[in-house]
Amino acid sequence: MGFLAEIVEANRATVRSASYGAGLPSAGRPSTHERLATAIRAATPAGAIVVEYKRASPGSTNPALPTYTAREFVDRTEPGEVAGYSCLATVPRFDGSPNDVHQLVQATRRPVLFKDFILDRRQLDVAARAGASAVLLIARLETGGYLETPIGELAREAHARDLEVLLEFHDRSELSRTADVAADMYGVNVRDLDTLRMEPEVALATLRSAAALRPLLGLSGVATPEDARRFWDAGVDGILVGSAVARSSDPGPFLRSLHRPVSARSR
């Protein structure tokens, strides 16, 4: 069984449990939070940096990450001129939770992405209750036959809850098969979710094919300014940074080093 099949099976059980979403408020995102797509567009010409708050990285040789409260994480990273945050809400393998999302929302006025392997409407309800600005929908869940509710319907249901949609691709074949999904933002993940291998050439080909979709983000695989530069050269509007910032001893300067180089901003 590949990683994606494994995590979907485990996540489905988590979402169906009676305790899923326990402890969250009954409704709503704070009105002080900006829309994520707006924040990404506003970050030009330096480019948007979206920073991910997570506790574990299963694709890493050392999955455990340094532990910080949401407030500590925001205090450490906001000096890096971030446009928004992503938060892992996945319980199995990632040790995340919807409550992590809610705590992060309370710790920052920047928009927060509810990042999970979203399979049904209950997760959308919980994302809204956690105060998220947006949710991640993964094209591979649709093209791989993992969804009982079509991804286009999940996008419509997200919008009905005032949640923006970030639609993630890996392989360019996923683009045509989810072309009718009403998304607000798009992203290309360097990581193959079946094998957890980084496949930069596959991602680059997908980015080229997705060039008309905006705002467009590069997802995963950013550990150095050189990694970020490859995304900027591919024409993205922003990048998501995860494990590397969690492990950085000085996240502010590290994140600032990832912004689009001055020489490339006038292109």
Protein backbone atom coordinates (compact mmCIF):
# COMPACT_ATOMS: atom_id res chain seq x y z
CA MET A 1 0.00 0.00 0.00
CA GLY A 2 1.38 3.42 -0.98
CA PHE A 3 1.49 6.34 1.44
CA LEU A 4 -1.54 8.07 -0.02
CA ALA A 5 -3.77 5.01 0.24
CA GLU A 6 -2.54 4.45 3.79
CA ILE A 7 -3.13 8.01 4.95
CA VAL A 8 -6.56 8.21 3.30
CA GLU A 9 -7.72 5.05 5.08
CA ALA A 10 -6.42 6.28 8.43
CA ASN A 11 -7.76 9.79 7.93
CA ARG A 12 -11.20 8.56 6.94
CA ALA A 13 -11.44 6.70 10.25
CA THR A 14 -10.31 9.82 12.15
CA VAL A 15 -12.84 12.08 10.45
CA ARG A 16 -15.68 9.66 11.13
CA SER A 17 -14.88 9.41 14.83
CA ALA A 18 -17.20 11.12 17.32
CA SER A 19 -14.32 13.17 18.73
CA TYR A 20 -13.31 14.80 15.42
CA GLY A 21 -13.50 18.57 15.79
CA ALA A 22 -14.18 18.40 19.52
CA GLY A 23 -13.30 21.57 21.41
CA LEU A 24 -13.69 23.93 18.48
CA PRO A 25 -16.07 26.90 18.53
CA SER A 26 -19.47 26.44 16.89
CA ALA A 27 -18.78 28.66 13.86
CA GLY A 28 -16.87 31.19 11.90
CA ARG A 29 -13.62 32.80 10.85
CA PRO A 30 -12.59 36.06 12.55
CA SER A 31 -13.44 38.99 10.29
CA THR A 32 -9.96 40.48 10.82
CA HIS A 33 -8.32 37.79 8.67
CA GLU A 34 -7.41 38.66 5.09
CA ARG A 35 -8.20 36.30 2.22
CA LEU A 36 -5.27 34.07 1.34
CA ALA A 37 -5.47 34.65 -2.42
CA THR A 38 -5.49 38.41 -1.79
CA ALA A 39 -2.43 38.17 0.45
CA ILE A 40 -0.56 36.14 -2.17
CA ARG A 41 -1.33 38.64 -4.92
CA ALA A 42 -0.35 41.55 -2.68
CA ALA A 43 3.10 40.06 -2.02
CA THR A 44 4.49 41.01 -5.42
CA PRO A 45 7.19 41.75 -6.48
CA ALA A 46 9.01 39.92 -3.67
CA GLY A 47 6.73 36.89 -3.94
CA ALA A 48 4.51 35.33 -1.30
CA ILE A 49 5.90 33.08 1.40
CA VAL A 50 3.34 30.79 3.04
CA VAL A 51 4.76 29.13 6.15
CA GLU A 52 3.57 25.77 7.40
CA TYR A 53 2.99 24.89 11.03
CA LYS A 54 3.32 21.15 11.56
CA ARG A 55 4.59 18.66 14.09
CA ALA A 56 5.90 15.88 11.85
CA SER A 57 7.11 15.33 8.29
CA PRO A 58 6.57 11.69 7.28
CA GLY A 59 8.53 12.12 4.05
CA SER A 60 11.70 13.09 5.91
CA THR A 61 14.44 10.77 7.14
CA ASN A 62 13.84 12.40 10.54
CA PRO A 63 10.05 12.88 10.70
CA ALA A 64 9.88 14.54 14.14
CA LEU A 65 10.04 18.35 14.08
CA PRO A 66 10.87 20.82 16.86
CA THR A 67 7.81 21.55 18.98
CA TYR A 68 6.47 25.09 19.36
CA THR A 69 3.13 26.45 20.42
CA ALA A 70 1.22 28.27 17.70
CA ARG A 71 2.05 31.61 19.33
CA GLU A 72 5.75 30.75 19.56
CA PHE A 73 5.75 29.67 15.92
CA VAL A 74 4.11 32.91 14.77
CA ASP A 75 6.51 35.02 16.84
CA ARG A 76 9.45 33.17 15.29
CA THR A 77 8.26 33.40 11.68
CA GLU A 78 6.34 36.66 11.19
CA PRO A 79 9.62 38.66 10.97
CA GLY A 80 10.26 36.67 7.76
CA GLU A 81 7.61 38.78 5.96
CA VAL A 82 5.17 35.94 5.45
CA ALA A 83 1.95 36.33 3.47
CA GLY A 84 0.06 33.62 5.29
CA TYR A 85 0.19 30.33 7.11
CA SER A 86 -0.63 26.70 6.42
CA CYS A 87 -1.41 24.32 9.25
CA LEU A 88 -1.45 20.52 9.18
CA ALA A 89 -4.77 19.30 10.50
CA THR A 90 -4.07 15.64 9.72
CA VAL A 91 -3.94 13.46 12.84
CA PRO A 92 -2.47 10.16 11.54
CA ARG A 93 1.25 10.25 10.71
CA PHE A 94 1.41 14.09 10.95
CA ASP A 95 0.29 14.45 14.60
CA GLY A 96 -1.72 17.52 13.63
CA SER A 97 -5.28 18.45 14.52
CA PRO A 98 -8.02 20.97 13.70
CA ASN A 99 -7.29 22.49 17.10
CA ASP A 100 -3.79 23.35 15.88
CA VAL A 101 -5.43 25.31 13.07
CA HIS A 102 -7.67 27.14 15.53
CA GLN A 103 -4.76 28.03 17.78
CA LEU A 104 -2.77 29.34 14.83
CA VAL A 105 -5.74 31.44 13.68
CA GLN A 106 -5.88 32.97 17.14
CA ALA A 107 -2.15 33.69 17.13
CA THR A 108 -2.00 35.66 13.85
CA ARG A 109 -4.05 38.07 11.75
CA ARG A 110 -2.64 36.54 8.59
CA PRO A 111 -4.78 34.05 6.64
CA VAL A 112 -4.49 30.37 7.57
CA LEU A 113 -4.83 27.37 5.26
CA PHE A 114 -6.47 24.24 6.70
CA LYS A 115 -4.17 21.58 5.23
CA ASP A 116 -5.51 18.05 5.28
CA PHE A 117 -6.41 15.14 3.04
CA ILE A 118 -9.98 16.37 2.67
CA LEU A 119 -12.41 13.57 1.90
CA ASP A 120 -15.85 14.85 2.86
CA ARG A 121 -17.99 17.76 4.03
CA ARG A 122 -17.39 17.16 7.73
CA GLN A 123 -13.80 18.34 7.32
CA LEU A 124 -15.04 21.51 5.65
CA ASP A 125 -17.39 22.17 8.57
CA VAL A 126 -14.49 21.69 10.98
CA ALA A 127 -12.20 23.93 8.91
CA ALA A 128 -14.77 26.72 9.09
CA ARG A 129 -15.22 26.22 12.83
CA ALA A 130 -11.43 26.34 13.30
CA GLY A 131 -11.41 29.77 11.68
CA ALA A 132 -9.42 28.85 8.56
CA SER A 133 -9.41 31.17 5.59
CA ALA A 134 -8.89 28.40 3.03
CA VAL A 135 -8.73 24.63 2.57
CA LEU A 136 -6.49 22.41 0.48
CA LEU A 137 -8.11 20.09 -2.06
CA ILE A 138 -5.79 17.52 -3.65
CA ALA A 139 -6.41 16.60 -7.29
CA ARG A 140 -4.76 13.20 -6.77
CA LEU A 141 -7.57 12.20 -4.42
CA GLU A 142 -10.02 12.70 -7.29
CA THR A 143 -7.97 11.16 -10.08
CA GLY A 144 -6.96 8.23 -7.86
CA GLY A 145 -10.56 7.38 -6.99
CA TYR A 146 -10.26 8.10 -3.27
CA LEU A 147 -13.21 10.49 -2.99
CA GLU A 148 -16.84 9.59 -2.39
CA THR A 149 -17.82 13.23 -2.92
CA PRO A 150 -16.45 14.65 -6.22
CA ILE A 151 -13.76 17.28 -5.77
CA GLY A 152 -15.78 19.86 -7.69
CA GLU A 153 -18.62 19.46 -5.22
CA LEU A 154 -16.19 19.74 -2.30
CA ALA A 155 -14.98 23.04 -3.77
CA ARG A 156 -18.55 24.34 -4.02
CA GLU A 157 -19.24 23.22 -0.46
CA ALA A 158 -16.09 25.00 0.74
CA HIS A 159 -17.20 28.24 -0.89
CA ALA A 160 -20.63 27.86 0.71
CA ARG A 161 -18.79 27.94 4.05
CA ASP A 162 -16.82 31.05 3.03
CA LEU A 163 -13.62 29.05 2.62
CA GLU A 164 -11.24 29.65 -0.25
CA VAL A 165 -9.91 26.65 -2.17
CA LEU A 166 -6.27 25.87 -2.94
CA LEU A 167 -6.22 23.10 -5.55
CA GLU A 168 -3.04 21.00 -5.52
CA PHE A 169 -1.53 19.10 -8.45
CA HIS A 170 1.57 16.97 -8.85
CA ASP A 171 1.43 15.42 -12.32
CA ARG A 172 0.23 17.52 -15.25
CA SER A 173 -2.32 14.82 -16.21
CA GLU A 174 -4.30 15.97 -13.15
CA LEU A 175 -4.86 19.41 -14.67
CA SER A 176 -7.30 18.37 -17.39
CA ARG A 177 -9.12 15.92 -15.12
CA THR A 178 -9.96 18.63 -12.56
CA ALA A 179 -10.31 21.58 -14.95
CA ASP A 180 -13.91 22.27 -13.87
CA VAL A 181 -13.05 22.69 -10.17
CA ALA A 182 -13.76 26.25 -9.00
CA ALA A 183 -10.53 27.03 -7.14
CA ASP A 184 -9.23 30.36 -5.86
CA MET A 185 -5.55 29.38 -5.92
CA TYR A 186 -3.46 26.59 -7.38
CA GLY A 187 -0.34 24.78 -6.24
CA VAL A 188 2.09 22.21 -7.56
CA ASN A 189 3.53 19.76 -5.06
CA VAL A 190 7.04 18.53 -5.77
CA ARG A 191 6.37 15.43 -3.66
CA ASP A 192 4.66 12.36 -5.09
CA LEU A 193 2.11 11.46 -2.43
CA ASP A 194 2.15 7.77 -3.31
CA THR A 195 5.89 7.30 -2.79
CA LEU A 196 6.79 10.50 -0.84
CA ARG A 197 9.68 11.00 -3.28
CA MET A 198 10.58 14.47 -4.46
CA GLU A 199 10.12 14.72 -8.25
CA PRO A 200 11.24 18.23 -9.27
CA GLU A 201 11.19 17.51 -13.01
CA VAL A 202 7.60 16.28 -12.84
CA ALA A 203 6.64 19.37 -10.84
CA LEU A 204 8.41 21.70 -13.28
CA ALA A 205 6.52 20.21 -16.22
CA THR A 206 3.27 20.63 -14.30
CA LEU A 207 4.10 24.24 -13.46
CA ARG A 208 4.67 24.96 -17.14
CA SER A 209 1.32 23.43 -18.01
CA ALA A 210 -0.41 25.33 -15.19
CA ALA A 211 1.09 28.73 -16.05
CA ALA A 212 -2.31 30.28 -16.82
CA LEU A 213 -3.72 29.36 -13.40
CA ARG A 214 -3.29 32.16 -10.84
CA PRO A 215 -2.29 32.67 -8.13
CA LEU A 216 0.11 29.73 -8.52
CA LEU A 217 2.20 28.32 -5.68
CA GLY A 218 5.18 25.99 -5.46
CA LEU A 219 4.60 23.45 -2.69
CA SER A 220 7.21 21.43 -0.78
CA GLY A 221 10.91 20.91 -1.24
CA VAL A 222 12.12 24.39 -0.24
CA ALA A 223 15.10 24.14 2.10
CA THR A 224 17.49 26.72 0.60
CA PRO A 225 17.37 29.97 -1.39
CA GLU A 226 18.39 27.91 -4.43
CA ASP A 227 15.30 25.72 -4.01
CA ALA A 228 13.14 28.84 -3.82
CA ARG A 229 14.85 30.34 -6.86
CA ARG A 230 13.89 27.32 -8.97
CA PHE A 231 10.25 28.00 -8.14
CA TRP A 232 10.58 31.75 -8.83
CA ASP A 233 12.25 31.00 -12.17
CA ALA A 234 9.30 28.75 -13.00
CA GLY A 235 6.99 31.76 -12.61
CA VAL A 236 5.14 31.03 -9.39
CA ASP A 237 3.46 33.75 -7.33
CA GLY A 238 4.45 32.20 -4.02
CA ILE A 239 6.02 29.25 -2.27
CA LEU A 240 5.09 27.14 0.72
CA VAL A 241 7.85 26.41 3.24
CA GLY A 242 7.42 23.67 5.83
CA SER A 243 9.98 21.48 7.56
CA ALA A 244 12.97 23.71 6.82
CA VAL A 245 11.53 26.67 8.71
CA ALA A 246 10.54 24.45 11.65
CA ARG A 247 14.14 23.29 11.91
CA SER A 248 15.71 26.71 11.36
CA SER A 249 17.47 28.24 14.35
CA ASP A 250 16.69 31.75 13.07
CA PRO A 251 13.53 31.62 10.92
CA GLY A 252 13.21 35.36 10.18
CA PRO A 253 16.41 35.79 8.15
CA PHE A 254 15.97 32.32 6.65
CA LEU A 255 12.51 33.18 5.31
CA ARG A 256 13.63 36.58 4.01
CA SER A 257 16.38 34.79 2.07
CA LEU A 258 13.70 32.82 0.22
CA HIS A 259 11.91 35.79 -1.33
CA ARG A 260 12.22 36.40 -5.06
CA PRO A 261 15.70 37.86 -5.81
CA VAL A 262 15.69 41.57 -6.57
CA SER A 263 17.23 40.93 -10.02
CA ALA A 264 14.24 38.79 -10.99
CA ARG A 265 11.45 41.08 -9.76
CA SER A 266 11.22 43.24 -12.87
CA ARG A 267 10.81 40.32 -15.28
